[in-house]
Amino acid sequence: MSPLLSILFVTLAFSLHCVIISASDPDPVQDFCIPNARYGSIRIAHLAILPCKNSSEATVDDFVFSGMQSAGNFSDTGLAAIPVNPTIFPGINTLGMSFIRADLKVGGINPPHFHPRATEISYVVRGSVYSGFVDSGNRVFARTIEEGEVMVFPRGLVHFQMNVGDKPATIFGSFNSQNPGSQKIPAAIFGSGINEELLEKTFGLSPKQIGRMRRKFDPRV
């Protein structure tokens, strides 16, 4: 291989490597971008691009969010979650972040799930929460996190939480993407329409048991 071709090959490989390791939300090109409600959004892949207001039209209220002062509605797992993204909090649009308030009743759980596009920092505001994640080698990293402690869940890894205290728990989660995505494992497996025979062979369950799981996790059944 000629020296010129070698240089071109190395340059191309380095460029591709940089593209791969820097994949994330785009960097902002202005101070802020408050979505303009008068115009619709433009969808590109999983992301909705929202046209900006003229910066002179922005107000301080665009950068303040008051919707996390109390818990949301609880699910049958004892979890109440209030996810916050640019759709309801305009000030964080294009800033590469979003967050969530999660409340857990005593014994309540946040079932195993993952965020395909973001790492999460989870801060326990009150209570005692058994928290953890599973790496790609199926090793679990878990312990009880007390009030004031923080745990990180790496991007794309399955993680979970359970209130193991004797009082309600409150958690604040922050993501390094304005659209982290979320897939709960039970719903993804039994509520997505995967072939039942495949599920039977995978989990060693009977058709009756698979049907029971489908009725629990698939809203279409």
N, C-alpha and C. Protein backbone atom coordinates (compact mmCIF):
# COMPACT_ATOMS: atom_id res chain seq x y z
N MET A 1 0.85 -1.19 0.00
CA MET A 1 0.00 0.00 0.00
C MET A 1 0.89 1.25 0.00
N SER A 2 0.55 2.19 -0.86
CA SER A 2 1.36 3.40 -0.96
C SER A 2 1.22 4.25 0.30
N PRO A 3 2.23 5.11 0.58
CA PRO A 3 2.13 5.98 1.75
C PRO A 3 0.88 6.85 1.74
N LEU A 4 0.50 7.33 0.53
CA LEU A 4 -0.68 8.19 0.43
C LEU A 4 -1.94 7.44 0.81
N LEU A 5 -2.07 6.20 0.29
CA LEU A 5 -3.24 5.40 0.62
C LEU A 5 -3.28 5.06 2.10
N SER A 6 -2.10 4.81 2.68
CA SER A 6 -2.03 4.51 4.11
C SER A 6 -2.54 5.69 4.94
N ILE A 7 -2.11 6.89 4.55
CA ILE A 7 -2.54 8.10 5.27
C ILE A 7 -4.04 8.28 5.15
N LEU A 8 -4.57 8.05 3.91
CA LEU A 8 -6.01 8.20 3.70
C LEU A 8 -6.79 7.18 4.52
N PHE A 9 -6.28 5.95 4.58
CA PHE A 9 -6.96 4.89 5.33
C PHE A 9 -7.00 5.22 6.82
N VAL A 10 -5.86 5.65 7.36
CA VAL A 10 -5.79 5.99 8.79
C VAL A 10 -6.71 7.17 9.10
N THR A 11 -6.70 8.17 8.21
CA THR A 11 -7.55 9.34 8.41
C THR A 11 -9.02 8.95 8.42
N LEU A 12 -9.41 8.09 7.46
CA LEU A 12 -10.80 7.65 7.38
C LEU A 12 -11.18 6.86 8.62
N ALA A 13 -10.30 5.94 9.05
CA ALA A 13 -10.59 5.12 10.23
C ALA A 13 -10.75 6.00 11.47
N PHE A 14 -9.86 7.00 11.61
CA PHE A 14 -9.93 7.90 12.76
C PHE A 14 -11.23 8.71 12.73
N SER A 15 -11.61 9.15 11.53
CA SER A 15 -12.84 9.94 11.39
C SER A 15 -14.06 9.12 11.79
N LEU A 16 -14.10 7.85 11.31
CA LEU A 16 -15.21 6.98 11.65
C LEU A 16 -15.25 6.73 13.15
N HIS A 17 -14.08 6.53 13.75
CA HIS A 17 -14.00 6.29 15.19
C HIS A 17 -14.55 7.49 15.97
N CYS A 18 -14.19 8.68 15.54
CA CYS A 18 -14.66 9.89 16.21
C CYS A 18 -16.17 10.02 16.09
N VAL A 19 -16.71 9.68 14.92
CA VAL A 19 -18.15 9.75 14.73
C VAL A 19 -18.86 8.80 15.68
N ILE A 20 -18.30 7.59 15.82
CA ILE A 20 -18.93 6.59 16.65
C ILE A 20 -18.91 6.99 18.12
N ILE A 21 -17.77 7.43 18.63
CA ILE A 21 -17.68 7.70 20.06
C ILE A 21 -18.34 9.02 20.44
N SER A 22 -18.62 9.90 19.48
CA SER A 22 -19.22 11.18 19.82
C SER A 22 -20.71 11.21 19.57
N ALA A 23 -21.30 10.04 19.22
CA ALA A 23 -22.72 10.00 18.94
C ALA A 23 -23.51 10.36 20.19
N SER A 24 -24.31 11.42 20.11
CA SER A 24 -25.13 11.87 21.21
C SER A 24 -26.06 12.94 20.67
N ASP A 25 -26.82 13.59 21.57
CA ASP A 25 -27.64 14.70 21.11
C ASP A 25 -26.75 15.75 20.46
N PRO A 26 -27.22 16.42 19.40
CA PRO A 26 -26.40 17.45 18.75
C PRO A 26 -26.06 18.59 19.72
N ASP A 27 -24.87 19.16 19.55
CA ASP A 27 -24.51 20.31 20.35
C ASP A 27 -25.36 21.51 19.94
N PRO A 28 -25.79 22.34 20.91
CA PRO A 28 -26.57 23.53 20.55
C PRO A 28 -25.69 24.53 19.81
N VAL A 29 -26.30 25.26 18.91
CA VAL A 29 -25.56 26.28 18.14
C VAL A 29 -25.99 27.68 18.55
N GLN A 30 -26.78 27.78 19.61
CA GLN A 30 -27.19 29.07 20.13
C GLN A 30 -27.42 28.91 21.63
N ASP A 31 -27.66 30.03 22.33
CA ASP A 31 -27.81 29.97 23.78
C ASP A 31 -28.93 29.04 24.20
N PHE A 32 -30.07 29.15 23.54
CA PHE A 32 -31.24 28.33 23.86
C PHE A 32 -32.17 28.34 22.66
N CYS A 33 -33.12 27.41 22.68
CA CYS A 33 -34.10 27.30 21.60
C CYS A 33 -35.44 26.97 22.22
N ILE A 34 -36.24 28.00 22.48
CA ILE A 34 -37.58 27.79 23.04
C ILE A 34 -38.52 27.40 21.90
N PRO A 35 -39.13 26.22 21.97
CA PRO A 35 -40.01 25.78 20.88
C PRO A 35 -41.14 26.77 20.62
N ASN A 36 -41.42 26.98 19.37
CA ASN A 36 -42.50 27.89 18.98
C ASN A 36 -43.76 27.06 18.75
N ALA A 37 -44.74 27.23 19.64
CA ALA A 37 -45.96 26.42 19.58
C ALA A 37 -46.80 26.70 18.34
N ARG A 38 -46.51 27.80 17.64
CA ARG A 38 -47.32 28.13 16.46
C ARG A 38 -46.99 27.24 15.27
N TYR A 39 -45.87 26.54 15.35
CA TYR A 39 -45.44 25.69 14.24
C TYR A 39 -45.32 24.24 14.70
N GLY A 40 -45.59 23.33 13.80
CA GLY A 40 -45.47 21.92 14.12
C GLY A 40 -44.01 21.49 14.17
N SER A 41 -43.79 20.28 14.68
CA SER A 41 -42.43 19.75 14.75
C SER A 41 -42.09 18.97 13.49
N ILE A 42 -40.79 18.84 13.23
CA ILE A 42 -40.29 18.06 12.10
C ILE A 42 -39.67 16.79 12.68
N ARG A 43 -40.15 15.62 12.26
CA ARG A 43 -39.64 14.37 12.82
C ARG A 43 -38.49 13.84 11.98
N ILE A 44 -37.38 13.53 12.66
CA ILE A 44 -36.22 12.88 12.02
C ILE A 44 -35.87 11.68 12.87
N ALA A 45 -36.04 10.48 12.33
CA ALA A 45 -35.83 9.24 13.08
C ALA A 45 -36.65 9.29 14.37
N HIS A 46 -36.00 9.15 15.54
CA HIS A 46 -36.72 9.11 16.80
C HIS A 46 -36.87 10.50 17.42
N LEU A 47 -36.37 11.54 16.75
CA LEU A 47 -36.32 12.87 17.35
C LEU A 47 -37.25 13.83 16.64
N ALA A 48 -37.97 14.62 17.41
CA ALA A 48 -38.81 15.68 16.85
C ALA A 48 -38.07 17.01 16.98
N ILE A 49 -37.81 17.66 15.85
CA ILE A 49 -37.13 18.95 15.84
C ILE A 49 -38.19 20.05 15.93
N LEU A 50 -38.06 20.90 16.95
CA LEU A 50 -39.05 21.94 17.19
C LEU A 50 -38.49 23.30 16.77
N PRO A 51 -39.17 24.00 15.86
CA PRO A 51 -38.70 25.34 15.47
C PRO A 51 -38.62 26.26 16.68
N CYS A 52 -37.63 27.15 16.69
CA CYS A 52 -37.40 28.03 17.84
C CYS A 52 -38.19 29.33 17.72
N LYS A 53 -38.53 29.86 18.88
CA LYS A 53 -39.01 31.24 18.96
C LYS A 53 -37.85 32.17 18.66
N ASN A 54 -38.15 33.39 18.28
CA ASN A 54 -37.13 34.43 18.28
C ASN A 54 -36.69 34.62 19.73
N SER A 55 -35.38 34.69 19.97
CA SER A 55 -34.87 34.78 21.34
C SER A 55 -35.45 35.98 22.10
N SER A 56 -35.85 37.02 21.40
CA SER A 56 -36.41 38.19 22.06
C SER A 56 -37.79 37.90 22.65
N GLU A 57 -38.42 36.81 22.21
CA GLU A 57 -39.75 36.45 22.71
C GLU A 57 -39.68 35.54 23.93
N ALA A 58 -38.49 35.07 24.30
CA ALA A 58 -38.35 34.18 25.45
C ALA A 58 -38.56 34.95 26.74
N THR A 59 -39.12 34.26 27.74
CA THR A 59 -39.33 34.85 29.06
C THR A 59 -38.73 33.93 30.12
N VAL A 60 -38.60 34.41 31.33
CA VAL A 60 -38.04 33.60 32.41
C VAL A 60 -38.89 32.37 32.67
N ASP A 61 -40.21 32.48 32.42
CA ASP A 61 -41.10 31.34 32.66
C ASP A 61 -40.78 30.15 31.76
N ASP A 62 -40.13 30.41 30.62
CA ASP A 62 -39.73 29.32 29.73
C ASP A 62 -38.66 28.43 30.37
N PHE A 63 -37.96 28.96 31.37
CA PHE A 63 -36.83 28.25 31.98
C PHE A 63 -37.14 27.76 33.40
N VAL A 64 -38.42 27.80 33.78
CA VAL A 64 -38.84 27.34 35.10
C VAL A 64 -39.94 26.30 34.92
N PHE A 65 -39.83 25.18 35.64
CA PHE A 65 -40.84 24.12 35.56
C PHE A 65 -41.34 23.80 36.96
N SER A 66 -42.65 23.81 37.15
CA SER A 66 -43.23 23.61 38.48
C SER A 66 -44.06 22.33 38.58
N GLY A 67 -43.94 21.48 37.59
CA GLY A 67 -44.81 20.31 37.54
C GLY A 67 -44.32 19.10 38.31
N MET A 68 -43.26 19.26 39.12
CA MET A 68 -42.72 18.12 39.86
C MET A 68 -42.84 18.30 41.37
N GLN A 69 -43.72 19.20 41.80
CA GLN A 69 -43.81 19.51 43.22
C GLN A 69 -44.54 18.43 44.01
N SER A 70 -45.33 17.62 43.33
CA SER A 70 -46.03 16.52 44.01
C SER A 70 -46.01 15.29 43.12
N ALA A 71 -46.30 14.14 43.70
CA ALA A 71 -46.24 12.88 42.96
C ALA A 71 -47.31 12.81 41.88
N GLY A 72 -47.03 12.00 40.86
CA GLY A 72 -48.00 11.77 39.80
C GLY A 72 -48.97 10.66 40.18
N ASN A 73 -49.59 10.04 39.18
CA ASN A 73 -50.54 8.96 39.43
C ASN A 73 -49.80 7.64 39.55
N PHE A 74 -50.18 6.85 40.54
CA PHE A 74 -49.48 5.59 40.80
C PHE A 74 -50.01 4.47 39.92
N SER A 75 -49.08 3.62 39.46
CA SER A 75 -49.44 2.44 38.68
C SER A 75 -49.68 1.27 39.63
N ASP A 76 -50.03 0.11 39.06
CA ASP A 76 -50.28 -1.06 39.92
C ASP A 76 -48.99 -1.64 40.51
N THR A 77 -47.83 -1.14 40.05
CA THR A 77 -46.56 -1.58 40.65
C THR A 77 -46.12 -0.66 41.79
N GLY A 78 -46.94 0.36 42.09
CA GLY A 78 -46.59 1.28 43.17
C GLY A 78 -45.67 2.39 42.74
N LEU A 79 -45.60 2.65 41.43
CA LEU A 79 -44.72 3.69 40.88
C LEU A 79 -45.53 4.84 40.30
N ALA A 80 -45.13 6.07 40.61
CA ALA A 80 -45.69 7.26 39.98
C ALA A 80 -44.53 8.02 39.35
N ALA A 81 -44.57 8.21 38.05
CA ALA A 81 -43.46 8.85 37.34
C ALA A 81 -43.93 10.07 36.58
N ILE A 82 -43.15 11.14 36.67
CA ILE A 82 -43.40 12.36 35.91
C ILE A 82 -42.18 12.64 35.04
N PRO A 83 -42.18 12.18 33.79
CA PRO A 83 -41.05 12.46 32.90
C PRO A 83 -41.14 13.89 32.36
N VAL A 84 -40.00 14.55 32.29
CA VAL A 84 -39.96 15.95 31.85
C VAL A 84 -39.05 16.06 30.65
N ASN A 85 -39.62 16.53 29.53
CA ASN A 85 -38.88 16.71 28.29
C ASN A 85 -39.26 18.05 27.68
N PRO A 86 -38.67 18.44 26.55
CA PRO A 86 -38.96 19.77 25.99
C PRO A 86 -40.41 20.01 25.63
N THR A 87 -41.19 18.94 25.46
CA THR A 87 -42.60 19.11 25.12
C THR A 87 -43.34 19.83 26.24
N ILE A 88 -42.97 19.54 27.51
CA ILE A 88 -43.65 20.19 28.63
C ILE A 88 -42.77 21.21 29.35
N PHE A 89 -41.47 21.18 29.09
CA PHE A 89 -40.55 22.15 29.69
C PHE A 89 -39.70 22.74 28.56
N PRO A 90 -40.16 23.80 27.92
CA PRO A 90 -39.50 24.36 26.73
C PRO A 90 -38.04 24.73 26.93
N GLY A 91 -37.68 25.16 28.15
CA GLY A 91 -36.34 25.68 28.39
C GLY A 91 -35.22 24.68 28.19
N ILE A 92 -35.50 23.37 28.23
CA ILE A 92 -34.42 22.38 28.07
C ILE A 92 -34.26 21.92 26.63
N ASN A 93 -35.06 22.45 25.73
CA ASN A 93 -34.96 22.05 24.32
C ASN A 93 -33.56 22.34 23.78
N THR A 94 -32.96 21.38 23.10
CA THR A 94 -31.63 21.42 22.47
C THR A 94 -30.47 21.39 23.47
N LEU A 95 -30.75 21.27 24.76
CA LEU A 95 -29.68 21.29 25.75
C LEU A 95 -29.15 19.89 26.07
N GLY A 96 -29.69 18.87 25.44
CA GLY A 96 -29.17 17.51 25.62
C GLY A 96 -29.45 16.92 26.98
N MET A 97 -30.62 17.23 27.54
CA MET A 97 -30.94 16.71 28.87
C MET A 97 -32.44 16.57 29.04
N SER A 98 -32.83 15.74 29.98
CA SER A 98 -34.22 15.63 30.42
C SER A 98 -34.16 15.00 31.82
N PHE A 99 -35.29 14.91 32.49
CA PHE A 99 -35.27 14.34 33.83
C PHE A 99 -36.63 13.79 34.20
N ILE A 100 -36.71 13.19 35.39
CA ILE A 100 -37.94 12.53 35.82
C ILE A 100 -38.05 12.56 37.33
N ARG A 101 -39.27 12.70 37.82
CA ARG A 101 -39.55 12.48 39.25
C ARG A 101 -40.26 11.13 39.36
N ALA A 102 -39.76 10.27 40.24
CA ALA A 102 -40.38 8.98 40.45
C ALA A 102 -40.67 8.79 41.93
N ASP A 103 -41.88 8.41 42.25
CA ASP A 103 -42.28 8.12 43.63
C ASP A 103 -42.65 6.65 43.74
N LEU A 104 -42.25 6.03 44.83
CA LEU A 104 -42.52 4.61 45.05
C LEU A 104 -43.25 4.44 46.39
N LYS A 105 -44.39 3.76 46.34
CA LYS A 105 -45.05 3.39 47.58
C LYS A 105 -44.17 2.38 48.32
N VAL A 106 -44.47 2.12 49.59
CA VAL A 106 -43.73 1.10 50.33
C VAL A 106 -43.89 -0.23 49.60
N GLY A 107 -42.76 -0.84 49.24
CA GLY A 107 -42.78 -2.09 48.49
C GLY A 107 -42.96 -1.90 46.99
N GLY A 108 -43.15 -0.65 46.54
CA GLY A 108 -43.35 -0.38 45.12
C GLY A 108 -42.09 -0.58 44.32
N ILE A 109 -42.24 -0.89 43.04
CA ILE A 109 -41.09 -1.15 42.18
C ILE A 109 -41.13 -0.31 40.90
N ASN A 110 -39.97 -0.03 40.40
CA ASN A 110 -39.78 0.46 39.03
C ASN A 110 -39.22 -0.73 38.28
N PRO A 111 -40.04 -1.44 37.47
CA PRO A 111 -39.62 -2.72 36.88
C PRO A 111 -38.38 -2.59 36.01
N PRO A 112 -37.68 -3.69 35.76
CA PRO A 112 -36.49 -3.65 34.89
C PRO A 112 -36.80 -2.99 33.55
N HIS A 113 -35.96 -2.03 33.19
CA HIS A 113 -36.15 -1.29 31.95
C HIS A 113 -34.80 -0.72 31.53
N PHE A 114 -34.74 -0.10 30.36
CA PHE A 114 -33.50 0.55 29.94
C PHE A 114 -33.82 1.75 29.06
N HIS A 115 -32.83 2.63 28.95
CA HIS A 115 -32.95 3.83 28.12
C HIS A 115 -31.93 3.71 26.98
N PRO A 116 -32.38 3.51 25.74
CA PRO A 116 -31.44 3.25 24.65
C PRO A 116 -30.57 4.44 24.26
N ARG A 117 -30.97 5.64 24.65
CA ARG A 117 -30.23 6.81 24.18
C ARG A 117 -29.66 7.68 25.31
N ALA A 118 -29.60 7.17 26.53
CA ALA A 118 -29.10 8.03 27.61
C ALA A 118 -28.59 7.25 28.81
N THR A 119 -27.60 7.82 29.47
CA THR A 119 -27.18 7.41 30.81
C THR A 119 -28.05 8.16 31.81
N GLU A 120 -28.35 7.53 32.93
CA GLU A 120 -29.21 8.14 33.94
C GLU A 120 -28.46 8.28 35.27
N ILE A 121 -28.63 9.43 35.89
CA ILE A 121 -28.18 9.64 37.27
C ILE A 121 -29.43 9.65 38.14
N SER A 122 -29.46 8.78 39.15
CA SER A 122 -30.63 8.65 40.02
C SER A 122 -30.28 9.11 41.43
N TYR A 123 -30.99 10.13 41.91
CA TYR A 123 -30.74 10.72 43.23
C TYR A 123 -31.94 10.43 44.14
N VAL A 124 -31.69 9.81 45.29
CA VAL A 124 -32.77 9.51 46.24
C VAL A 124 -33.03 10.73 47.10
N VAL A 125 -34.18 11.34 46.89
CA VAL A 125 -34.57 12.53 47.65
C VAL A 125 -35.02 12.15 49.05
N ARG A 126 -35.76 11.03 49.14
CA ARG A 126 -36.16 10.51 50.45
C ARG A 126 -36.42 9.02 50.33
N GLY A 127 -36.22 8.31 51.46
CA GLY A 127 -36.49 6.89 51.49
C GLY A 127 -35.26 6.03 51.29
N SER A 128 -35.50 4.72 51.21
CA SER A 128 -34.45 3.72 50.99
C SER A 128 -34.86 2.90 49.78
N VAL A 129 -34.02 2.91 48.75
CA VAL A 129 -34.39 2.30 47.47
C VAL A 129 -33.33 1.30 47.04
N TYR A 130 -33.74 0.05 46.89
CA TYR A 130 -32.85 -0.97 46.33
C TYR A 130 -32.73 -0.69 44.84
N SER A 131 -31.52 -0.37 44.38
CA SER A 131 -31.29 0.07 43.00
C SER A 131 -30.16 -0.73 42.38
N GLY A 132 -30.25 -0.95 41.08
CA GLY A 132 -29.17 -1.66 40.43
C GLY A 132 -29.33 -1.76 38.93
N PHE A 133 -28.27 -2.28 38.29
CA PHE A 133 -28.31 -2.51 36.85
C PHE A 133 -27.54 -3.80 36.55
N VAL A 134 -27.75 -4.31 35.34
CA VAL A 134 -27.10 -5.54 34.90
C VAL A 134 -26.24 -5.21 33.68
N ASP A 135 -24.95 -5.61 33.73
CA ASP A 135 -24.07 -5.31 32.59
C ASP A 135 -24.22 -6.36 31.49
N SER A 136 -23.47 -6.19 30.41
CA SER A 136 -23.60 -7.07 29.25
C SER A 136 -23.09 -8.48 29.52
N GLY A 137 -22.42 -8.68 30.67
CA GLY A 137 -21.98 -10.01 31.07
C GLY A 137 -22.92 -10.64 32.09
N ASN A 138 -24.12 -10.03 32.24
CA ASN A 138 -25.14 -10.50 33.19
C ASN A 138 -24.68 -10.42 34.65
N ARG A 139 -23.77 -9.51 34.94
CA ARG A 139 -23.37 -9.24 36.32
C ARG A 139 -24.24 -8.13 36.87
N VAL A 140 -24.82 -8.35 38.03
CA VAL A 140 -25.70 -7.34 38.63
C VAL A 140 -24.91 -6.48 39.60
N PHE A 141 -25.14 -5.18 39.53
CA PHE A 141 -24.56 -4.20 40.45
C PHE A 141 -25.73 -3.57 41.19
N ALA A 142 -25.94 -3.94 42.44
CA ALA A 142 -27.12 -3.48 43.16
C ALA A 142 -26.85 -3.33 44.64
N ARG A 143 -27.50 -2.36 45.25
CA ARG A 143 -27.46 -2.15 46.70
C ARG A 143 -28.57 -1.19 47.07
N THR A 144 -28.81 -1.06 48.35
CA THR A 144 -29.81 -0.11 48.83
C THR A 144 -29.21 1.29 48.87
N ILE A 145 -29.86 2.22 48.19
CA ILE A 145 -29.42 3.61 48.15
C ILE A 145 -30.27 4.42 49.12
N GLU A 146 -29.61 5.12 50.01
CA GLU A 146 -30.31 5.88 51.04
C GLU A 146 -30.50 7.34 50.61
N GLU A 147 -31.31 8.03 51.38
CA GLU A 147 -31.57 9.45 51.12
C GLU A 147 -30.27 10.24 50.98
N GLY A 148 -30.17 11.01 49.89
CA GLY A 148 -28.98 11.82 49.64
C GLY A 148 -27.93 11.13 48.80
N GLU A 149 -28.10 9.84 48.51
CA GLU A 149 -27.12 9.12 47.70
C GLU A 149 -27.55 9.09 46.23
N VAL A 150 -26.56 8.83 45.38
CA VAL A 150 -26.75 8.86 43.93
C VAL A 150 -26.23 7.57 43.33
N MET A 151 -26.92 7.08 42.29
CA MET A 151 -26.42 5.93 41.53
C MET A 151 -26.53 6.25 40.05
N VAL A 152 -25.56 5.76 39.28
CA VAL A 152 -25.58 5.97 37.84
C VAL A 152 -25.95 4.67 37.14
N PHE A 153 -26.80 4.77 36.12
CA PHE A 153 -27.19 3.64 35.29
C PHE A 153 -26.64 3.88 33.89
N PRO A 154 -25.61 3.14 33.47
CA PRO A 154 -25.02 3.38 32.15
C PRO A 154 -26.03 3.22 31.01
N ARG A 155 -25.77 3.96 29.99
CA ARG A 155 -26.66 3.97 28.82
C ARG A 155 -26.93 2.56 28.27
N GLY A 156 -28.20 2.27 28.05
CA GLY A 156 -28.59 1.03 27.39
C GLY A 156 -28.60 -0.20 28.27
N LEU A 157 -28.24 -0.08 29.56
CA LEU A 157 -28.21 -1.25 30.44
C LEU A 157 -29.50 -1.35 31.25
N VAL A 158 -29.97 -2.58 31.44
CA VAL A 158 -31.18 -2.82 32.20
C VAL A 158 -30.97 -2.41 33.66
N HIS A 159 -31.92 -1.66 34.22
CA HIS A 159 -31.83 -1.26 35.62
C HIS A 159 -33.21 -1.29 36.27
N PHE A 160 -33.24 -1.13 37.60
CA PHE A 160 -34.47 -1.36 38.36
C PHE A 160 -34.37 -0.67 39.71
N GLN A 161 -35.52 -0.52 40.37
CA GLN A 161 -35.56 0.10 41.69
C GLN A 161 -36.73 -0.47 42.48
N MET A 162 -36.57 -0.56 43.80
CA MET A 162 -37.64 -1.03 44.68
C MET A 162 -37.53 -0.32 46.02
N ASN A 163 -38.66 0.17 46.52
CA ASN A 163 -38.69 0.83 47.82
C ASN A 163 -38.64 -0.25 48.91
N VAL A 164 -37.52 -0.30 49.63
CA VAL A 164 -37.36 -1.30 50.69
C VAL A 164 -37.48 -0.67 52.08
N GLY A 165 -37.87 0.60 52.13
CA GLY A 165 -38.03 1.28 53.41
C GLY A 165 -39.44 1.13 53.94
N ASP A 166 -39.72 1.81 55.06
CA ASP A 166 -41.04 1.74 55.68
C ASP A 166 -41.85 3.02 55.45
N LYS A 167 -41.40 3.82 54.48
CA LYS A 167 -42.14 5.03 54.11
C LYS A 167 -41.99 5.26 52.61
N PRO A 168 -42.85 6.08 52.01
CA PRO A 168 -42.75 6.34 50.57
C PRO A 168 -41.37 6.90 50.21
N ALA A 169 -40.94 6.62 49.00
CA ALA A 169 -39.63 7.09 48.52
C ALA A 169 -39.84 8.00 47.30
N THR A 170 -38.94 8.97 47.18
CA THR A 170 -38.96 9.88 46.04
C THR A 170 -37.57 9.90 45.41
N ILE A 171 -37.53 9.80 44.09
CA ILE A 171 -36.27 9.74 43.34
C ILE A 171 -36.30 10.80 42.25
N PHE A 172 -35.17 11.45 42.04
CA PHE A 172 -35.01 12.38 40.92
C PHE A 172 -34.00 11.79 39.95
N GLY A 173 -34.40 11.60 38.71
CA GLY A 173 -33.51 11.05 37.69
C GLY A 173 -33.21 12.07 36.62
N SER A 174 -31.95 12.12 36.19
CA SER A 174 -31.54 13.05 35.15
C SER A 174 -30.87 12.27 34.03
N PHE A 175 -31.16 12.65 32.76
CA PHE A 175 -30.64 11.96 31.58
C PHE A 175 -29.80 12.90 30.73
N ASN A 176 -28.79 12.34 30.05
CA ASN A 176 -27.96 13.18 29.17
C ASN A 176 -28.48 13.15 27.74
N SER A 177 -29.79 13.14 27.59
CA SER A 177 -30.45 13.26 26.29
C SER A 177 -31.83 13.85 26.52
N GLN A 178 -32.29 14.68 25.59
CA GLN A 178 -33.62 15.23 25.76
C GLN A 178 -34.68 14.21 25.33
N ASN A 179 -34.25 13.09 24.74
CA ASN A 179 -35.18 12.04 24.34
C ASN A 179 -34.54 10.68 24.63
N PRO A 180 -34.43 10.30 25.92
CA PRO A 180 -33.69 9.08 26.28
C PRO A 180 -34.34 7.79 25.83
N GLY A 181 -35.67 7.81 25.66
CA GLY A 181 -36.39 6.58 25.34
C GLY A 181 -36.46 5.69 26.57
N SER A 182 -37.45 4.82 26.63
CA SER A 182 -37.58 3.90 27.75
C SER A 182 -38.31 2.65 27.30
N GLN A 183 -37.72 1.49 27.59
CA GLN A 183 -38.36 0.22 27.29
C GLN A 183 -38.39 -0.63 28.54
N LYS A 184 -39.59 -0.94 29.02
CA LYS A 184 -39.74 -1.83 30.17
C LYS A 184 -39.67 -3.27 29.66
N ILE A 185 -38.85 -4.09 30.29
CA ILE A 185 -38.57 -5.44 29.81
C ILE A 185 -39.84 -6.29 29.70
N PRO A 186 -40.68 -6.38 30.74
CA PRO A 186 -41.87 -7.23 30.61
C PRO A 186 -42.78 -6.81 29.46
N ALA A 187 -43.00 -5.50 29.32
CA ALA A 187 -43.88 -5.02 28.25
C ALA A 187 -43.25 -5.23 26.87
N ALA A 188 -41.92 -5.06 26.79
CA ALA A 188 -41.24 -5.24 25.50
C ALA A 188 -41.32 -6.70 25.04
N ILE A 189 -41.28 -7.64 25.99
CA ILE A 189 -41.29 -9.06 25.63
C ILE A 189 -42.71 -9.58 25.41
N PHE A 190 -43.61 -9.29 26.37
CA PHE A 190 -44.94 -9.88 26.32
C PHE A 190 -46.01 -8.94 25.76
N GLY A 191 -45.67 -7.68 25.58
CA GLY A 191 -46.67 -6.74 25.09
C GLY A 191 -46.42 -6.19 23.71
N SER A 192 -45.45 -6.77 23.00
CA SER A 192 -45.07 -6.21 21.69
C SER A 192 -45.56 -7.02 20.51
N GLY A 193 -46.10 -8.21 20.75
CA GLY A 193 -46.59 -9.03 19.64
C GLY A 193 -45.59 -10.06 19.14
N ILE A 194 -44.56 -10.37 19.92
CA ILE A 194 -43.60 -11.42 19.53
C ILE A 194 -44.35 -12.75 19.41
N ASN A 195 -43.97 -13.56 18.44
CA ASN A 195 -44.58 -14.86 18.20
C ASN A 195 -44.65 -15.68 19.50
N GLU A 196 -45.85 -16.21 19.81
CA GLU A 196 -46.04 -16.92 21.08
C GLU A 196 -45.20 -18.20 21.18
N GLU A 197 -45.05 -18.91 20.06
CA GLU A 197 -44.25 -20.13 20.10
C GLU A 197 -42.81 -19.84 20.46
N LEU A 198 -42.28 -18.73 19.94
CA LEU A 198 -40.91 -18.33 20.28
C LEU A 198 -40.80 -18.06 21.78
N LEU A 199 -41.80 -17.37 22.35
CA LEU A 199 -41.76 -17.06 23.78
C LEU A 199 -41.87 -18.33 24.61
N GLU A 200 -42.71 -19.27 24.17
CA GLU A 200 -42.85 -20.54 24.89
C GLU A 200 -41.51 -21.28 24.94
N LYS A 201 -40.80 -21.32 23.80
CA LYS A 201 -39.53 -22.02 23.75
C LYS A 201 -38.44 -21.27 24.52
N THR A 202 -38.51 -19.96 24.51
CA THR A 202 -37.49 -19.16 25.21
C THR A 202 -37.59 -19.31 26.72
N PHE A 203 -38.81 -19.23 27.25
CA PHE A 203 -38.99 -19.19 28.70
C PHE A 203 -39.50 -20.50 29.30
N GLY A 204 -39.79 -21.50 28.46
CA GLY A 204 -40.29 -22.76 28.97
C GLY A 204 -41.67 -22.64 29.58
N LEU A 205 -42.47 -21.72 29.07
CA LEU A 205 -43.82 -21.48 29.57
C LEU A 205 -44.85 -22.16 28.68
N SER A 206 -45.98 -22.45 29.24
CA SER A 206 -47.07 -23.06 28.48
C SER A 206 -47.84 -21.98 27.74
N PRO A 207 -48.62 -22.37 26.70
CA PRO A 207 -49.46 -21.38 26.00
C PRO A 207 -50.38 -20.62 26.95
N LYS A 208 -50.89 -21.32 27.98
CA LYS A 208 -51.77 -20.66 28.94
C LYS A 208 -51.01 -19.59 29.73
N GLN A 209 -49.78 -19.90 30.12
CA GLN A 209 -48.98 -18.94 30.87
C GLN A 209 -48.59 -17.75 30.00
N ILE A 210 -48.25 -18.01 28.74
CA ILE A 210 -47.93 -16.91 27.82
C ILE A 210 -49.15 -16.02 27.63
N GLY A 211 -50.32 -16.64 27.50
CA GLY A 211 -51.55 -15.86 27.35
C GLY A 211 -51.81 -14.98 28.55
N ARG A 212 -51.51 -15.50 29.75
CA ARG A 212 -51.71 -14.71 30.96
C ARG A 212 -50.77 -13.50 30.97
N MET A 213 -49.54 -13.71 30.55
CA MET A 213 -48.58 -12.61 30.50
C MET A 213 -48.97 -11.58 29.44
N ARG A 214 -49.47 -12.05 28.31
CA ARG A 214 -49.91 -11.13 27.26
C ARG A 214 -51.06 -10.25 27.75
N ARG A 215 -52.01 -10.86 28.44
CA ARG A 215 -53.15 -10.08 28.93
C ARG A 215 -52.71 -9.03 29.95
N LYS A 216 -51.63 -9.31 30.65
CA LYS A 216 -51.13 -8.37 31.65
C LYS A 216 -50.38 -7.20 31.04
N PHE A 217 -49.60 -7.49 29.96
CA PHE A 217 -48.69 -6.46 29.45
C PHE A 217 -49.03 -5.92 28.06
N ASP A 218 -49.97 -6.55 27.36
CA ASP A 218 -50.31 -6.09 26.01
C ASP A 218 -51.68 -5.41 26.04
N PRO A 219 -51.74 -4.09 25.86
CA PRO A 219 -53.03 -3.37 25.91
C PRO A 219 -53.98 -3.76 24.78
N ARG A 220 -53.44 -4.42 23.74
CA ARG A 220 -54.29 -4.80 22.60
C ARG A 220 -55.04 -6.11 22.84
N VAL A 221 -54.66 -6.85 23.90
CA VAL A 221 -55.29 -8.15 24.18
C VAL A 221 -56.49 -7.97 25.11
